Amino acid sequence: MNQRLFSVLIFAFVVSAGASLLLYRLIASRVTANAKQPTTQVLVAARTMELGTLIRDSDLKMADFGGTLPRGALLHKEDVVGRGVVAAIYEGEPVLESRLAAKGAGAGLAATIPAGMRAVAVRVNEVVGVSGFVVPGMRVDVLIAGSPPNAKADVGTVSKTLLQNIEVLSAGQNFQKDSEGKAVQVQVVNLLVTPEQAEILALASNETRIQLVLRNPLDTQTTKTAGVAMSGLFGGPIKPPEPVAAPKPRRIAEHITLPYPVAPPKPAPPVTVEVMNGNKRVESKFPAGSENAQ
């Protein structure tokens, strides 16, 4: 073999061996540093707990957690046991305050209702419930159909979007979100609304016909609609007319101003009274309206 080629191979081998040794020491130092990093005992889930689960002592275990703790991580069992789960906690995951209901709120559907919100039940069938695809976690619009008050008789039934982007809290007794989106045939769904929307929905449920419209959960835009009247389906105006307002009471003017001056009335002519006394005749004149002229 050529002496020069042999020297080059030896030099390359020495350089590669030195680089490998340097890389090994660098990785070993990093591993040793991570091994010496302090850990903290935190509570983790011993099993996967779905939405609405009431946490028991057997559902928790202690585990070492290295690095910075997640915000809201709980360290003591007494702070967790007996509380409801409002967001799924998976096995081995630290238990966070944001995933639990408030102390004393219990578990189940009530624990999943955020503060300031309400759950309103709406009776549905296969049509109203969009063929069973109105399931927990979906977003819907609420449509109503009925005859508005003070509307003309030829307008007929009017359909209008009442509420938009409303979250479905539960379908029947199932309040766990289905990631596969399977259809569930139920008779009642619970909608998550504000107190003001709850009043509107309660009145609409009793006085009109309700239809739920499924929408994309990522579509949060609110659309303004005027509604559709029955007459619009047969060639008439699509937009329903505004309700006829009650006539305003007529106001009698206290002072009337004429556009031109009016001359004062002329005084009445005096009243002439002729008196005969024998051969004498006497005429007397009195102003009109006086007592002597009457």
Protein backbone atom coordinates (compact mmCIF):
# COMPACT_ATOMS: atom_id res chain seq x y z
CA MET A 1 0.00 0.00 0.00
CA ASN A 2 1.16 3.49 -0.70
CA GLN A 3 2.75 5.03 2.40
CA ARG A 4 1.04 8.35 1.75
CA LEU A 5 -2.44 6.76 1.52
CA PHE A 6 -1.81 4.78 4.70
CA SER A 7 -0.88 7.98 6.55
CA VAL A 8 -4.09 9.68 5.40
CA LEU A 9 -6.21 6.76 6.64
CA ILE A 10 -4.48 6.80 10.01
CA PHE A 11 -5.04 10.54 10.33
CA ALA A 12 -8.75 10.20 9.45
CA PHE A 13 -9.19 7.41 11.97
CA VAL A 14 -7.61 9.50 14.74
CA VAL A 15 -9.79 12.53 13.91
CA SER A 16 -13.00 10.47 13.85
CA ALA A 17 -12.10 8.75 17.12
CA GLY A 18 -11.44 12.10 18.76
CA ALA A 19 -14.76 13.53 17.50
CA SER A 20 -16.65 10.46 18.72
CA LEU A 21 -15.05 10.72 22.14
CA LEU A 22 -15.90 14.43 22.39
CA LEU A 23 -19.52 13.79 21.39
CA TYR A 24 -19.81 10.93 23.89
CA ARG A 25 -18.57 13.09 26.75
CA LEU A 26 -20.94 15.92 25.77
CA ILE A 27 -23.97 13.63 25.73
CA ALA A 28 -22.93 11.93 28.97
CA SER A 29 -22.62 15.29 30.70
CA ARG A 30 -26.12 16.28 29.56
CA VAL A 31 -27.60 13.00 30.77
CA THR A 32 -25.85 13.33 34.10
CA ALA A 33 -27.12 16.89 34.50
CA ASN A 34 -30.69 15.82 33.75
CA ALA A 35 -30.38 12.90 36.15
CA LYS A 36 -29.32 15.24 38.91
CA GLN A 37 -32.20 17.70 38.19
CA PRO A 38 -34.51 17.92 41.22
CA THR A 39 -37.99 16.42 40.91
CA THR A 40 -41.27 17.19 42.64
CA GLN A 41 -43.93 14.77 43.84
CA VAL A 42 -47.21 15.62 42.10
CA LEU A 43 -50.62 14.02 41.80
CA VAL A 44 -51.26 12.21 38.53
CA ALA A 45 -54.25 10.26 37.26
CA ALA A 46 -54.06 6.54 37.92
CA ARG A 47 -56.59 6.01 35.10
CA THR A 48 -58.25 8.07 32.40
CA MET A 49 -61.13 10.08 33.87
CA GLU A 50 -63.80 11.37 31.51
CA LEU A 51 -65.93 14.47 31.80
CA GLY A 52 -68.28 14.36 34.80
CA THR A 53 -66.31 11.74 36.77
CA LEU A 54 -66.27 12.07 40.55
CA ILE A 55 -62.65 11.60 41.65
CA ARG A 56 -61.93 8.99 44.34
CA ASP A 57 -58.75 8.22 46.23
CA SER A 58 -58.05 5.18 44.04
CA ASP A 59 -58.07 7.37 40.91
CA LEU A 60 -54.90 9.19 42.01
CA LYS A 61 -51.26 8.37 42.60
CA MET A 62 -48.05 10.25 43.34
CA ALA A 63 -45.30 10.52 40.73
CA ASP A 64 -42.00 12.36 40.27
CA PHE A 65 -42.15 15.34 37.94
CA GLY A 66 -38.95 17.01 36.75
CA GLY A 67 -38.65 20.59 35.61
CA THR A 68 -41.18 23.37 36.03
CA LEU A 69 -44.58 22.28 37.25
CA PRO A 70 -47.59 23.07 35.04
CA ARG A 71 -49.62 26.01 36.25
CA GLY A 72 -52.37 24.85 38.59
CA ALA A 73 -50.85 21.43 39.33
CA LEU A 74 -52.16 19.97 42.61
CA LEU A 75 -49.91 18.24 45.13
CA HIS A 76 -52.26 16.95 47.82
CA LYS A 77 -55.04 14.38 47.54
CA GLU A 78 -57.31 16.21 49.93
CA ASP A 79 -57.49 19.04 47.36
CA VAL A 80 -58.76 16.68 44.64
CA VAL A 81 -60.79 13.80 46.11
CA GLY A 82 -64.55 14.38 45.88
CA ARG A 83 -64.41 16.91 43.04
CA GLY A 84 -65.88 16.49 39.57
CA VAL A 85 -63.96 16.44 36.30
CA VAL A 86 -64.93 19.17 33.82
CA ALA A 87 -62.30 18.24 31.21
CA ALA A 88 -60.88 14.78 30.52
CA ILE A 89 -57.73 13.81 32.51
CA TYR A 90 -55.66 11.04 30.95
CA GLU A 91 -53.67 8.35 32.77
CA GLY A 92 -50.30 9.60 34.02
CA GLU A 93 -51.22 13.26 33.44
CA PRO A 94 -50.83 15.76 36.33
CA VAL A 95 -54.12 16.84 37.87
CA LEU A 96 -54.71 20.54 37.18
CA GLU A 97 -57.06 22.90 38.98
CA SER A 98 -58.56 24.01 35.65
CA ARG A 99 -59.73 20.44 34.91
CA LEU A 100 -61.79 20.17 38.10
CA ALA A 101 -65.11 21.58 39.26
CA ALA A 102 -65.24 23.80 42.30
CA LYS A 103 -65.23 22.17 45.71
CA GLY A 104 -68.73 21.11 46.70
CA ALA A 105 -70.06 21.31 43.13
CA GLY A 106 -70.11 17.53 42.84
CA ALA A 107 -69.94 15.69 39.54
CA GLY A 108 -72.21 15.09 36.58
CA LEU A 109 -73.81 17.60 34.25
CA ALA A 110 -74.19 20.43 36.80
CA ALA A 111 -70.44 20.51 37.45
CA THR A 112 -69.74 21.14 33.76
CA ILE A 113 -71.81 24.34 33.61
CA PRO A 114 -69.50 27.40 33.76
CA ALA A 115 -70.26 30.18 36.21
CA GLY A 116 -72.83 32.61 34.88
CA MET A 117 -74.26 30.14 32.34
CA ARG A 118 -77.37 27.98 32.31
CA ALA A 119 -78.42 24.63 30.80
CA VAL A 120 -81.83 24.68 29.08
CA ALA A 121 -83.54 21.48 27.93
CA VAL A 122 -85.08 21.44 24.46
CA ARG A 123 -87.34 18.64 23.25
CA VAL A 124 -86.20 17.28 19.89
CA ASN A 125 -87.06 14.57 17.40
CA GLU A 126 -85.21 13.15 14.42
CA VAL A 127 -85.84 16.33 12.40
CA VAL A 128 -85.26 18.92 15.11
CA GLY A 129 -82.18 17.06 16.38
CA VAL A 130 -80.57 16.94 12.89
CA SER A 131 -80.91 13.15 12.60
CA GLY A 132 -79.17 12.55 15.92
CA PHE A 133 -75.99 14.48 15.10
CA VAL A 134 -76.68 17.10 17.79
CA VAL A 135 -74.29 15.59 20.34
CA PRO A 136 -72.30 17.09 23.25
CA GLY A 137 -69.72 19.61 22.13
CA MET A 138 -71.47 20.52 18.87
CA ARG A 139 -72.54 24.06 18.00
CA VAL A 140 -76.03 24.85 16.72
CA ASP A 141 -78.27 27.73 15.68
CA VAL A 142 -81.84 27.89 16.98
CA LEU A 143 -84.57 28.67 14.43
CA ILE A 144 -88.19 29.42 15.27
CA ALA A 145 -91.32 29.32 13.10
CA GLY A 146 -94.63 30.91 14.00
CA SER A 147 -97.01 33.79 13.42
CA PRO A 148 -95.70 37.10 14.76
CA PRO A 149 -98.15 39.30 16.68
CA ASN A 150 -99.76 42.28 14.88
CA ALA A 151 -98.76 40.82 11.49
CA LYS A 152 -101.01 40.95 8.45
CA ALA A 153 -103.11 37.88 7.77
CA ASP A 154 -101.64 37.34 4.28
CA VAL A 155 -98.07 37.05 5.61
CA GLY A 156 -98.53 33.59 7.09
CA THR A 157 -95.90 31.75 9.12
CA VAL A 158 -92.51 33.43 9.59
CA SER A 159 -89.20 31.59 10.15
CA LYS A 160 -86.30 33.40 11.80
CA THR A 161 -82.94 32.61 13.39
CA LEU A 162 -83.36 33.25 17.11
CA LEU A 163 -79.98 32.25 18.65
CA GLN A 164 -76.62 31.49 17.05
CA ASN A 165 -73.49 29.53 17.97
CA ILE A 166 -75.00 27.75 20.99
CA GLU A 167 -73.06 24.86 22.54
CA VAL A 168 -74.78 21.52 23.07
CA LEU A 169 -74.06 20.51 26.65
CA SER A 170 -75.66 17.06 26.60
CA ALA A 171 -77.71 14.77 24.40
CA GLY A 172 -80.18 12.98 26.62
CA GLN A 173 -78.23 11.72 29.64
CA ASN A 174 -74.95 11.64 27.75
CA PHE A 175 -72.77 14.68 28.39
CA GLN A 176 -69.41 13.24 27.29
CA LYS A 177 -68.08 14.48 23.97
CA ASP A 178 -67.81 11.89 21.25
CA SER A 179 -64.62 12.37 19.20
CA GLU A 180 -66.03 10.20 16.39
CA GLY A 181 -69.22 12.29 16.08
CA LYS A 182 -71.59 9.30 16.03
CA ALA A 183 -75.30 10.01 15.77
CA VAL A 184 -77.32 9.62 18.99
CA GLN A 185 -81.12 9.54 18.86
CA VAL A 186 -82.49 11.30 21.94
CA GLN A 187 -85.65 13.14 22.92
CA VAL A 188 -84.06 16.03 24.82
CA VAL A 189 -80.86 18.04 24.42
CA ASN A 190 -79.44 20.58 26.86
CA LEU A 191 -78.09 23.83 25.44
CA LEU A 192 -75.55 26.03 27.24
CA VAL A 193 -76.89 29.60 27.25
CA THR A 194 -76.80 32.83 29.23
CA PRO A 195 -79.68 33.69 31.60
CA GLU A 196 -81.09 36.13 29.02
CA GLN A 197 -80.95 33.49 26.29
CA ALA A 198 -82.59 31.00 28.65
CA GLU A 199 -85.62 33.30 28.98
CA ILE A 200 -85.84 33.71 25.20
CA LEU A 201 -85.53 29.97 24.60
CA ALA A 202 -88.13 29.09 27.23
CA LEU A 203 -90.68 31.43 25.63
CA ALA A 204 -89.87 30.22 22.14
CA SER A 205 -90.29 26.57 23.20
CA ASN A 206 -93.85 27.24 24.37
CA GLU A 207 -95.07 29.65 21.70
CA THR A 208 -93.30 28.57 18.48
CA ARG A 209 -91.83 25.56 16.71
CA ILE A 210 -88.07 25.12 17.20
CA GLN A 211 -85.55 23.77 14.71
CA LEU A 212 -81.84 23.18 15.49
CA VAL A 213 -79.31 23.86 12.73
CA LEU A 214 -75.90 22.21 12.98
CA ARG A 215 -72.85 24.41 12.32
CA ASN A 216 -69.07 24.03 12.18
CA PRO A 217 -67.56 24.53 15.68
CA LEU A 218 -64.79 26.64 14.12
CA ASP A 219 -67.33 29.01 12.54
CA THR A 220 -68.05 31.56 15.27
CA GLN A 221 -69.28 34.37 13.04
CA THR A 222 -72.74 35.76 13.80
CA THR A 223 -74.90 36.36 10.72
CA LYS A 224 -77.73 38.88 10.69
CA THR A 225 -80.85 37.52 8.99
CA ALA A 226 -84.23 39.13 8.37
CA GLY A 227 -86.23 35.91 8.41
CA VAL A 228 -88.50 34.42 5.74
CA ALA A 229 -92.28 34.73 5.47
CA MET A 230 -94.58 32.07 4.06
CA SER A 231 -95.68 34.47 1.32
CA GLY A 232 -92.06 34.69 0.14
CA LEU A 233 -92.05 30.99 -0.76
CA PHE A 234 -94.82 31.63 -3.32
CA GLY A 235 -93.42 34.68 -5.04
CA GLY A 236 -94.33 37.33 -2.53
CA PRO A 237 -91.92 39.48 -0.51
CA ILE A 238 -89.33 37.30 1.19
CA LYS A 239 -88.69 39.64 4.08
CA PRO A 240 -91.58 39.62 6.56
CA PRO A 241 -93.19 43.03 7.04
CA GLU A 242 -92.65 44.91 10.21
CA PRO A 243 -95.42 44.55 12.81
CA VAL A 244 -98.13 47.18 12.52
CA ALA A 245 -97.63 49.72 15.26
CA ALA A 246 -100.59 50.97 17.26
CA PRO A 247 -101.82 54.43 16.13
CA LYS A 248 -100.49 57.28 18.17
CA PRO A 249 -103.05 59.37 20.09
CA ARG A 250 -103.94 62.64 18.37
CA ARG A 251 -102.79 65.75 20.12
CA ILE A 252 -105.02 68.79 20.16
CA ALA A 253 -103.03 71.96 19.70
CA GLU A 254 -103.47 74.53 22.41
CA HIS A 255 -102.67 77.46 20.10
CA ILE A 256 -103.41 77.66 16.39
CA THR A 257 -101.35 80.07 14.29
CA LEU A 258 -102.91 81.02 10.96
CA PRO A 259 -100.63 81.73 8.02
CA TYR A 260 -102.26 85.18 7.35
CA PRO A 261 -103.58 87.97 9.65
CA VAL A 262 -107.30 88.00 10.37
CA ALA A 263 -109.17 91.31 10.62
CA PRO A 264 -111.06 91.88 13.87
CA PRO A 265 -114.85 91.44 13.59
CA LYS A 266 -116.93 94.58 12.87
CA PRO A 267 -119.06 95.91 15.76
CA ALA A 268 -122.78 95.23 15.48
CA PRO A 269 -124.97 98.26 14.55
CA PRO A 270 -126.84 99.94 17.42
CA VAL A 271 -130.46 99.00 18.11
CA THR A 272 -133.04 101.78 17.42
CA VAL A 273 -136.18 101.84 19.59
CA GLU A 274 -139.10 104.10 18.58
CA VAL A 275 -141.45 105.20 21.41
CA MET A 276 -144.91 106.78 20.68
CA ASN A 277 -146.28 109.03 23.41
CA GLY A 278 -149.50 110.62 22.13
CA ASN A 279 -148.57 112.90 19.27
CA LYS A 280 -144.90 112.59 20.01
CA ARG A 281 -142.52 110.02 18.61
CA VAL A 282 -139.18 109.49 20.26
CA GLU A 283 -136.34 107.33 18.87
CA SER A 284 -133.70 105.93 21.18
CA LYS A 285 -130.52 104.08 20.12
CA PHE A 286 -128.81 101.48 22.28
CA PRO A 287 -125.54 99.60 21.68
CA ALA A 288 -126.00 96.01 20.51
CA GLY A 289 -125.84 93.50 23.37
CA SER A 290 -126.64 95.96 26.12
CA GLU A 291 -129.36 95.23 28.68
CA ASN A 292 -131.50 98.21 27.51
CA ALA A 293 -131.59 96.84 23.97
CA GLN A 294 -133.13 93.55 25.09
